[in-house]
């Protein structure tokens, strides 16, 4: 806000010519009136440039307050008059953006629309709700969905499984009645993965990582190093292999293959270790195209590997094919179907083959120059 707009309420009056209290009050009133006029003239400038210094003169202006709540200005409830605290539209508007329980009229605790907004910011609202709300299961479900922590104050629903799950899914803790319920534990750990450090049961750990693999690094060390637990997690998220403290799993072929199938990028050391492992290299073609330079001679002539490469990368890993493949009509037909540019790799003999020539030209006419 520009300096000429800011209202100073702590003026030093000692320097005024008149010592008369009435004169001081009149002067102060005129100053405030003048400042009010400036504020009204520059209200848009005020809202655009200031985030917290809300002028006290506007605490009786309902429309300005509505806008202030909407734009996140700090409002001190003690300055609001009683009529505004009972203004339903204003209170509802304020409740949608911040806590109002401490200042809004208590009559709104019977207004479910407002209560539903209140609980998002303040769970102690539940301790003051009328029976018409807390005994209505459908309304309680809506409240719990708005703020799961409110269930702690609604003990009559502690054993209600549906409401308990809603609570956990909305940020609440696990009700005592369901502490050993695996579904509750899984839902809770989805939102609080660090709490997985308290999991002791291997079977539960496996169920958890199947649903939420990202929890793996937060499990107790013995479960993080349990191969069965690790396997279930990396089948879904192979990158978790990098977060495991032991290197033995990175040398485990089955684990590595499962990780590669999820797009896990193996490092150069692993490439050297598995450079002749057809299944692993095929599984990791898309995420690890660089390993093509390390392929064994056997894989350089592997039909399935070459087709997979063509599908995944859009090209073959080499500029030339072994002679036996270039002269293999069935194999070359498959390649041309996948990408007609491979017609260029045909042997001299197959370039005279009418069937292959027609197939290539149908897919890509400019290949005519290669057709005999």
Foldseek 3Di string as FASTA:
>chain_A
DDPVQDQDPPDDCVPDPDPDPVVVVVVVVVSVVVSVVSCVVCVVVCLVPDAEPDDLVCLAPQVSLLVNLVSRYDDDLVSHDLVLLAPVVSLQSNLQREADVVRRDLVCLAVLSSVLSNLLHDLCSLVSHDCVQLVDVVNLLSSLLSALQNVVSNVVCLPPVVSQQSSLLRPHAHRPVCPVPLVSVLSNCLVVLLVLCPDDDLVSLQVNLLVVLVSLLNYHLVSVPDPSSLQSNLLQALQCLVVRPDCVLVVPVSSLLSNLLNQDEDDPVVCLVCLAPQSSCLSNCQNYVVSLVVHDPVLLQDLVSQLSNCQRVVHGSDPAHPPVQLADVVSLLSVCVSPLVCLLRHDPVCLQPPVNVVSSCVVPVVCVVSRD
